[in-house]
């Protein structure tokens, strides 16, 4: 069997299966029970050091 034919057969069957299993594993890992707190912490991390609300009109400066 030629190398190209062998690699093509592997890509058509086993690599497709491996990619599908990997995708499903990543989905299960992302939505696993107990990860909600971690996701909320990451989502709110950009607000962690805010001490006050944002300036409603930052272009207007008081002289």
Protein backbone atom coordinates (compact mmCIF):
# COMPACT_ATOMS: atom_id res chain seq x y z
CA UNK A 1 0.00 0.00 0.00
CA UNK A 2 1.28 3.45 -0.81
CA UNK A 3 2.02 5.89 1.96
CA UNK A 4 -0.57 8.37 0.68
CA UNK A 5 -3.31 5.74 0.55
CA UNK A 6 -2.47 4.57 4.04
CA UNK A 7 -2.49 8.09 5.48
CA UNK A 8 -5.72 8.89 3.62
CA UNK A 9 -7.41 5.81 5.08
CA UNK A 10 -6.22 6.73 8.58
CA UNK A 11 -7.45 10.31 8.19
CA UNK A 12 -10.83 9.19 6.87
CA UNK A 13 -11.54 6.78 9.68
CA UNK A 14 -9.43 6.92 12.82
CA UNK A 15 -8.54 10.60 12.84
CA UNK A 16 -12.20 11.53 12.40
CA UNK A 17 -13.07 9.31 15.33
CA UNK A 18 -10.25 10.79 17.45
CA UNK A 19 -11.33 14.37 16.66
CA UNK A 20 -14.96 13.57 17.52
CA UNK A 21 -13.99 11.96 20.81
CA UNK A 22 -11.69 14.90 21.62
CA UNK A 23 -14.43 17.43 20.84
CA UNK A 24 -16.94 15.61 23.02
CA UNK A 25 -14.41 15.35 25.84
CA UNK A 26 -13.76 19.10 25.72
CA UNK A 27 -17.51 19.81 25.77
CA UNK A 28 -18.02 17.54 28.77
CA UNK A 29 -15.03 19.12 30.53
CA UNK A 30 -16.29 22.68 29.92
CA UNK A 31 -19.83 21.95 31.14
CA UNK A 32 -18.94 19.53 33.93
CA UNK A 33 -20.80 19.80 37.22
CA UNK A 34 -19.03 21.98 39.76
CA UNK A 35 -17.30 24.25 37.27
CA UNK A 36 -19.89 27.04 37.46
CA UNK A 37 -18.05 28.80 40.29
CA UNK A 38 -14.79 28.79 38.35
CA UNK A 39 -16.49 30.13 35.22
CA UNK A 40 -18.20 32.89 37.22
CA UNK A 41 -14.89 33.86 38.83
CA UNK A 42 -13.17 34.10 35.44
CA UNK A 43 -16.08 36.05 33.93
CA UNK A 44 -16.03 38.60 36.77
CA UNK A 45 -12.25 38.89 37.08
CA UNK A 46 -12.11 42.04 34.93
CA UNK A 47 -14.26 43.83 37.53
CA UNK A 48 -12.26 42.65 40.55
CA UNK A 49 -10.33 45.89 41.16
CA UNK A 50 -13.12 48.38 40.42
CA UNK A 51 -13.67 50.78 43.30
CA UNK A 52 -16.33 52.99 41.75
CA UNK A 53 -18.64 53.07 38.73
CA UNK A 54 -17.27 54.22 35.41
CA UNK A 55 -17.45 57.92 34.53
CA UNK A 56 -20.71 58.44 32.59
CA UNK A 57 -19.14 61.08 30.32
CA UNK A 58 -15.36 60.63 30.16
CA UNK A 59 -14.95 63.21 27.35
CA UNK A 60 -16.27 66.05 29.52
CA UNK A 61 -13.53 67.31 31.85
CA UNK A 62 -14.07 69.70 34.72
CA UNK A 63 -11.68 72.64 34.68
